[in-house]
């Protein structure tokens, strides 16, 4: 079952096209990371999912309905990139106030614990640090007990400890069956936490798949070592691609099957040294996909 569906969506602002024929679905209970460079259309897509704007063409459905309907909106939580927090209210008062707007909110104490805010619950919102304000924004997004949570750049301004607490909270929400879609520039976080990654650029989807699938698309694994093997022998190793060797015998290979390649290398009983095995990262895939002359229109299945 899909919690979010965008079908053939276009969104224009005057002569500017922010989204072009965008098709995107998010399965219920899934944690999806929506990645892309600035101006890719991520925030515009999230605004449509929140019902803050209507598409110029196409259809947007959240939880089976129109996100502009109040009944659907009450089932969606939002943590925008910038939040206008009430500076004169304490953290507890702000969370309590927002909870009162929902039919079946989380207990205030649970929302505060989820965002790791118990220690500053008495403090006025205007006196919080940047990271604490982001955690309060998360508590406000979660206190309504939403079925779908849309989060824009959640950990910007958070310290390392706050980031860990945030991801623990998101993991708990996902384990409780909530659907989470977030944008982030911290690709290592998306790689570690997301079930699925969608890469956008210029208002369209470039790639869609698991972090592992996108890493494989970026080039699999890099293997390097020094030996007496010549180029022809290196090319015969199973799974060897993009093989290079210099005059000193230092070889560099790309492979989608590093285990098989290393077993074959050892079986040759040829001495080798300086072995390094480096897996392509999600950042490698992202940079490859969004490079100006890079590939486009890719679809990677998990």
Protein backbone atom coordinates (compact mmCIF):
# COMPACT_ATOMS: atom_id res chain seq x y z
CA UNK A 1 0.00 0.00 0.00
CA UNK A 2 1.27 3.47 -0.92
CA UNK A 3 0.99 6.25 1.63
CA UNK A 4 2.04 8.92 -0.88
CA UNK A 5 1.48 9.02 -4.65
CA UNK A 6 2.43 11.73 -7.11
CA UNK A 7 1.32 10.93 -10.66
CA UNK A 8 2.41 13.01 -13.67
CA UNK A 9 2.88 16.07 -11.47
CA UNK A 10 3.98 19.37 -12.92
CA UNK A 11 4.38 22.58 -10.93
CA UNK A 12 5.17 25.92 -12.51
CA UNK A 13 5.76 29.34 -10.99
CA UNK A 14 5.31 31.78 -13.84
CA UNK A 15 7.87 30.75 -16.44
CA UNK A 16 9.79 28.56 -14.01
CA UNK A 17 9.04 24.83 -14.00
CA UNK A 18 9.84 23.41 -10.56
CA UNK A 19 8.49 19.89 -11.19
CA UNK A 20 8.14 18.17 -14.54
CA UNK A 21 6.07 15.02 -15.01
CA UNK A 22 7.04 13.78 -11.55
CA UNK A 23 5.98 10.25 -10.63
CA UNK A 24 6.75 9.22 -7.08
CA UNK A 25 5.21 6.74 -4.67
CA UNK A 26 6.13 6.04 -1.05
CA UNK A 27 5.06 2.80 0.56
CA UNK A 28 3.37 2.84 3.95
CA UNK A 29 5.81 2.24 6.80
CA UNK A 30 8.82 3.14 4.66
CA UNK A 31 11.61 5.60 5.46
CA UNK A 32 12.44 7.37 2.20
CA UNK A 33 15.22 9.90 1.70
CA UNK A 34 14.56 12.47 -1.02
CA UNK A 35 17.91 13.81 -2.22
CA UNK A 36 18.93 16.40 -4.74
CA UNK A 37 20.97 19.58 -5.18
CA UNK A 38 19.52 22.97 -4.29
CA UNK A 39 16.72 23.81 -6.70
CA UNK A 40 16.01 20.18 -7.55
CA UNK A 41 12.34 20.50 -6.58
CA UNK A 42 12.40 18.62 -3.27
CA UNK A 43 10.77 21.31 -1.16
CA UNK A 44 8.17 22.00 -3.86
CA UNK A 45 7.26 18.30 -3.90
CA UNK A 46 6.93 18.25 -0.10
CA UNK A 47 4.74 21.38 -0.17
CA UNK A 48 2.40 19.58 -2.56
CA UNK A 49 2.30 16.54 -0.25
CA UNK A 50 1.42 18.85 2.63
CA UNK A 51 -1.37 20.48 0.66
CA UNK A 52 0.30 23.89 0.89
CA UNK A 53 0.04 24.21 -2.89
CA UNK A 54 -1.79 22.51 -5.73
CA UNK A 55 -0.03 20.94 -8.73
CA UNK A 56 -0.25 22.72 -12.06
CA UNK A 57 -0.97 19.33 -13.60
CA UNK A 58 -1.16 15.75 -12.37
CA UNK A 59 -2.42 14.31 -9.10
CA UNK A 60 -1.13 14.24 -5.52
CA UNK A 61 -2.59 11.70 -3.07
CA UNK A 62 -1.61 11.20 0.56
CA UNK A 63 -3.19 8.40 2.57
CA UNK A 64 -5.60 7.91 -0.30
CA UNK A 65 -6.95 11.46 -0.27
CA UNK A 66 -6.25 15.03 -1.27
CA UNK A 67 -3.69 16.56 1.13
CA UNK A 68 -5.54 19.87 0.86
CA UNK A 69 -8.50 18.33 2.71
CA UNK A 70 -8.47 19.04 6.45
CA UNK A 71 -9.21 15.40 7.31
CA UNK A 72 -6.08 14.27 5.46
CA UNK A 73 -3.94 17.13 6.76
CA UNK A 74 -4.71 16.08 10.34
CA UNK A 75 -2.98 12.76 9.61
CA UNK A 76 0.24 14.38 8.32
CA UNK A 77 3.10 15.78 10.40
CA UNK A 78 5.53 18.36 9.06
CA UNK A 79 8.98 19.49 10.15
CA UNK A 80 9.95 22.31 7.75
CA UNK A 81 13.51 23.44 7.19
CA UNK A 82 12.77 26.66 9.08
CA UNK A 83 10.16 26.83 11.84
CA UNK A 84 8.55 29.93 13.36
CA UNK A 85 8.48 28.87 17.01
CA UNK A 86 6.54 30.92 19.62
CA UNK A 87 9.44 32.54 21.52
CA UNK A 88 7.49 33.41 24.68
CA UNK A 89 6.15 29.89 25.27
CA UNK A 90 8.14 27.25 27.07
CA UNK A 91 8.95 24.05 25.23
CA UNK A 92 6.26 22.18 27.16
CA UNK A 93 3.67 24.90 26.52
CA UNK A 94 4.41 24.91 22.78
CA UNK A 95 4.06 21.14 22.51
CA UNK A 96 0.91 21.16 24.65
CA UNK A 97 -0.64 23.90 22.51
CA UNK A 98 -0.04 22.06 19.26
CA UNK A 99 -1.24 18.76 20.71
CA UNK A 100 -4.60 20.42 21.43
CA UNK A 101 -5.21 20.86 17.70
CA UNK A 102 -5.29 17.11 16.98
CA UNK A 103 -7.99 14.53 17.71
CA UNK A 104 -5.66 11.82 19.07
CA UNK A 105 -2.25 13.35 19.85
CA UNK A 106 0.68 11.72 21.59
CA UNK A 107 0.96 12.45 25.31
CA UNK A 108 3.03 15.62 25.70
CA UNK A 109 5.57 13.80 27.88
CA UNK A 110 6.04 11.18 25.15
CA UNK A 111 6.59 13.83 22.45
CA UNK A 112 9.15 15.59 24.66
CA UNK A 113 10.97 12.31 25.33
CA UNK A 114 10.89 11.40 21.64
CA UNK A 115 12.69 14.65 20.79
CA UNK A 116 15.04 14.40 23.82
CA UNK A 117 13.65 17.66 25.26
CA UNK A 118 12.78 16.70 28.85
CA UNK A 119 15.77 18.59 30.22
CA UNK A 120 14.73 21.89 28.60
CA UNK A 121 10.93 21.52 28.78
CA UNK A 122 10.74 24.53 31.13
CA UNK A 123 12.85 26.78 28.91
CA UNK A 124 11.28 29.40 26.64
CA UNK A 125 11.49 28.57 22.95
CA UNK A 126 13.25 31.84 22.18
CA UNK A 127 16.12 30.89 24.51
CA UNK A 128 16.89 27.56 22.84
CA UNK A 129 20.05 26.80 20.89
CA UNK A 130 19.81 26.10 17.17
CA UNK A 131 19.92 22.35 17.67
CA UNK A 132 17.31 22.49 20.45
CA UNK A 133 15.00 24.48 18.19
CA UNK A 134 15.28 21.75 15.55
CA UNK A 135 14.42 19.14 18.18
CA UNK A 136 11.41 21.20 19.24
CA UNK A 137 10.31 21.42 15.62
CA UNK A 138 10.49 17.62 15.50
CA UNK A 139 8.40 17.31 18.69
CA UNK A 140 5.78 19.62 17.18
CA UNK A 141 5.73 17.53 14.00
CA UNK A 142 5.32 14.28 15.93
CA UNK A 143 2.94 15.28 18.74
CA UNK A 144 -0.13 15.02 16.49
CA UNK A 145 0.59 11.29 16.16
CA UNK A 146 0.70 11.50 12.35
CA UNK A 147 0.57 8.53 10.01
CA UNK A 148 2.87 10.31 7.55
CA UNK A 149 5.78 12.52 8.63
CA UNK A 150 7.42 14.89 6.12
CA UNK A 151 10.76 16.29 7.27
CA UNK A 152 12.91 18.88 5.48
CA UNK A 153 16.63 18.94 6.42
CA UNK A 154 16.02 17.66 9.97
CA UNK A 155 19.53 17.60 11.46
CA UNK A 156 20.81 20.95 10.21
CA UNK A 157 22.23 22.78 13.24
CA UNK A 158 22.18 19.71 15.49
CA UNK A 159 25.26 18.49 17.30
CA UNK A 160 26.38 14.86 17.05
CA UNK A 161 24.49 13.74 20.15
CA UNK A 162 21.27 15.42 19.01
CA UNK A 163 21.57 13.76 15.60
CA UNK A 164 21.86 10.34 17.19
CA UNK A 165 18.81 11.07 19.36
CA UNK A 166 16.86 12.26 16.33
CA UNK A 167 17.60 9.13 14.31
CA UNK A 168 16.71 6.93 17.26
CA UNK A 169 13.35 8.73 17.40
CA UNK A 170 12.74 8.36 13.66
CA UNK A 171 13.60 4.66 13.88
CA UNK A 172 11.07 4.30 16.70
CA UNK A 173 8.36 6.03 14.65
CA UNK A 174 9.06 3.81 11.68
CA UNK A 175 8.94 0.71 13.90
CA UNK A 176 5.49 1.89 15.02
CA UNK A 177 4.34 1.81 11.38
CA UNK A 178 4.71 5.49 10.51
CA UNK A 179 5.70 6.56 7.01
CA UNK A 180 8.64 9.00 6.95
CA UNK A 181 9.87 11.01 3.97
CA UNK A 182 12.78 13.36 4.54
CA UNK A 183 15.28 15.49 2.68
CA UNK A 184 18.85 15.83 3.86
CA UNK A 185 22.24 17.03 2.69
CA UNK A 186 23.94 14.62 5.11
CA UNK A 187 24.17 11.68 2.73
CA UNK A 188 25.86 9.38 5.24
CA UNK A 189 22.73 9.66 7.39
CA UNK A 190 20.47 8.77 4.50
CA UNK A 191 22.73 5.86 3.58
CA UNK A 192 22.58 4.49 7.11
CA UNK A 193 18.89 5.01 7.89
CA UNK A 194 16.79 5.01 4.70
CA UNK A 195 15.00 2.01 3.26
CA UNK A 196 14.90 3.79 -0.06
CA UNK A 197 16.57 6.75 -1.73
CA UNK A 198 15.06 8.93 -4.44
CA UNK A 199 17.42 11.32 -6.23
CA UNK A 200 15.88 14.36 -7.93
CA UNK A 201 17.29 17.05 -10.17
CA UNK A 202 15.63 19.73 -12.28
CA UNK A 203 12.19 18.70 -11.04
CA UNK A 204 12.41 15.05 -12.09
CA UNK A 205 13.49 11.71 -10.59
CA UNK A 206 16.95 10.56 -11.67
CA UNK A 207 17.22 7.41 -9.55
CA UNK A 208 15.06 5.41 -7.20
CA UNK A 209 16.17 2.42 -5.17
CA UNK A 210 17.77 1.14 -2.01
CA UNK A 211 21.03 2.75 -0.83
CA UNK A 212 22.83 -0.46 -1.82
CA UNK A 213 21.37 -0.37 -5.33
CA UNK A 214 22.48 3.23 -5.85
CA UNK A 215 25.94 2.50 -4.49
CA UNK A 216 26.26 -0.37 -6.97
CA UNK A 217 25.23 1.94 -9.80
CA UNK A 218 27.99 4.33 -8.78
CA UNK A 219 30.65 1.73 -9.43
CA UNK A 220 30.36 -1.09 -6.92
CA UNK A 221 33.64 -1.59 -5.07
CA UNK A 222 37.15 -0.31 -5.72
CA UNK A 223 39.96 -2.81 -5.16
CA UNK A 224 43.63 -1.83 -5.30
CA UNK A 225 46.82 -3.77 -4.59
CA UNK A 226 50.42 -4.18 -5.74
CA UNK A 227 51.53 -7.38 -7.48
CA UNK A 228 53.42 -8.76 -10.50
CA UNK A 229 50.23 -9.44 -12.46
CA UNK A 230 50.07 -7.73 -15.84
CA UNK A 231 47.05 -5.98 -17.30
CA UNK A 232 45.78 -9.02 -19.26
CA UNK A 233 45.92 -11.20 -16.13
CA UNK A 234 44.12 -8.61 -14.04
CA UNK A 235 41.34 -8.38 -16.61
CA UNK A 236 40.78 -12.13 -16.27
CA UNK A 237 39.89 -11.83 -12.58
CA UNK A 238 36.14 -12.44 -12.10
CA UNK A 239 34.07 -9.26 -12.07
CA UNK A 240 37.03 -7.02 -12.89
CA UNK A 241 36.07 -3.75 -14.58
CA UNK A 242 37.88 -0.50 -15.33
CA UNK A 243 41.25 -2.17 -14.73
CA UNK A 244 44.36 -0.02 -14.47
CA UNK A 245 47.95 -0.86 -13.51
CA UNK A 246 51.01 1.37 -13.37
CA UNK A 247 54.70 0.63 -14.00
CA UNK A 248 55.25 -0.20 -10.32
CA UNK A 249 52.59 -2.94 -10.41
CA UNK A 250 49.98 -1.00 -8.46
CA UNK A 251 46.61 -2.13 -9.79
CA UNK A 252 43.20 -0.47 -9.42
CA UNK A 253 40.01 -2.31 -10.37
CA UNK A 254 36.29 -1.70 -10.10
CA UNK A 255 34.04 -4.68 -9.43
CA UNK A 256 30.52 -5.61 -8.45
CA UNK A 257 31.75 -8.89 -6.94
CA UNK A 258 34.71 -8.09 -4.67
CA UNK A 259 34.55 -11.38 -2.76
CA UNK A 260 34.84 -13.48 -5.92
CA UNK A 261 37.64 -11.28 -7.25
CA UNK A 262 39.67 -11.58 -4.04
CA UNK A 263 39.17 -15.36 -3.87
CA UNK A 264 40.48 -15.67 -7.42
CA UNK A 265 43.42 -13.39 -6.64
CA UNK A 266 44.41 -15.49 -3.64
CA UNK A 267 43.95 -18.72 -5.62
CA UNK A 268 46.57 -17.56 -8.14
CA UNK A 269 49.15 -17.85 -5.34
CA UNK A 270 50.83 -14.65 -6.51
CA UNK A 271 52.23 -12.41 -3.75
CA UNK A 272 50.45 -9.08 -3.42
CA UNK A 273 50.54 -6.19 -0.94
CA UNK A 274 48.95 -2.83 -0.15
CA UNK A 275 45.45 -4.28 -0.50
CA UNK A 276 42.61 -1.76 -0.18
CA UNK A 277 38.91 -2.49 -0.68
CA UNK A 278 36.63 0.55 -0.76
CA UNK A 279 32.89 0.38 -1.32
CA UNK A 280 31.29 3.14 -3.36
CA UNK A 281 29.27 5.43 -1.10
CA UNK A 282 25.86 6.98 -1.55
CA UNK A 283 27.67 10.28 -1.98
CA UNK A 284 29.57 8.80 -4.95
CA UNK A 285 26.25 7.79 -6.50
CA UNK A 286 24.67 11.17 -5.80
CA UNK A 287 27.56 13.12 -7.33
CA UNK A 288 27.59 10.84 -10.37
CA UNK A 289 23.86 11.23 -10.93
CA UNK A 290 23.67 14.98 -10.43
CA UNK A 291 26.86 15.96 -12.26
CA UNK A 292 26.07 18.39 -15.11
CA UNK A 293 27.26 15.91 -17.74
CA UNK A 294 26.25 12.84 -15.71
CA UNK A 295 23.62 10.22 -16.40
CA UNK A 296 19.94 11.05 -16.23
CA UNK A 297 16.68 9.19 -16.18
CA UNK A 298 18.12 6.24 -14.27
CA UNK A 299 15.83 3.76 -12.53
CA UNK A 300 17.42 1.39 -10.03
CA UNK A 301 15.36 -1.36 -8.53
CA UNK A 302 16.09 -2.49 -5.00
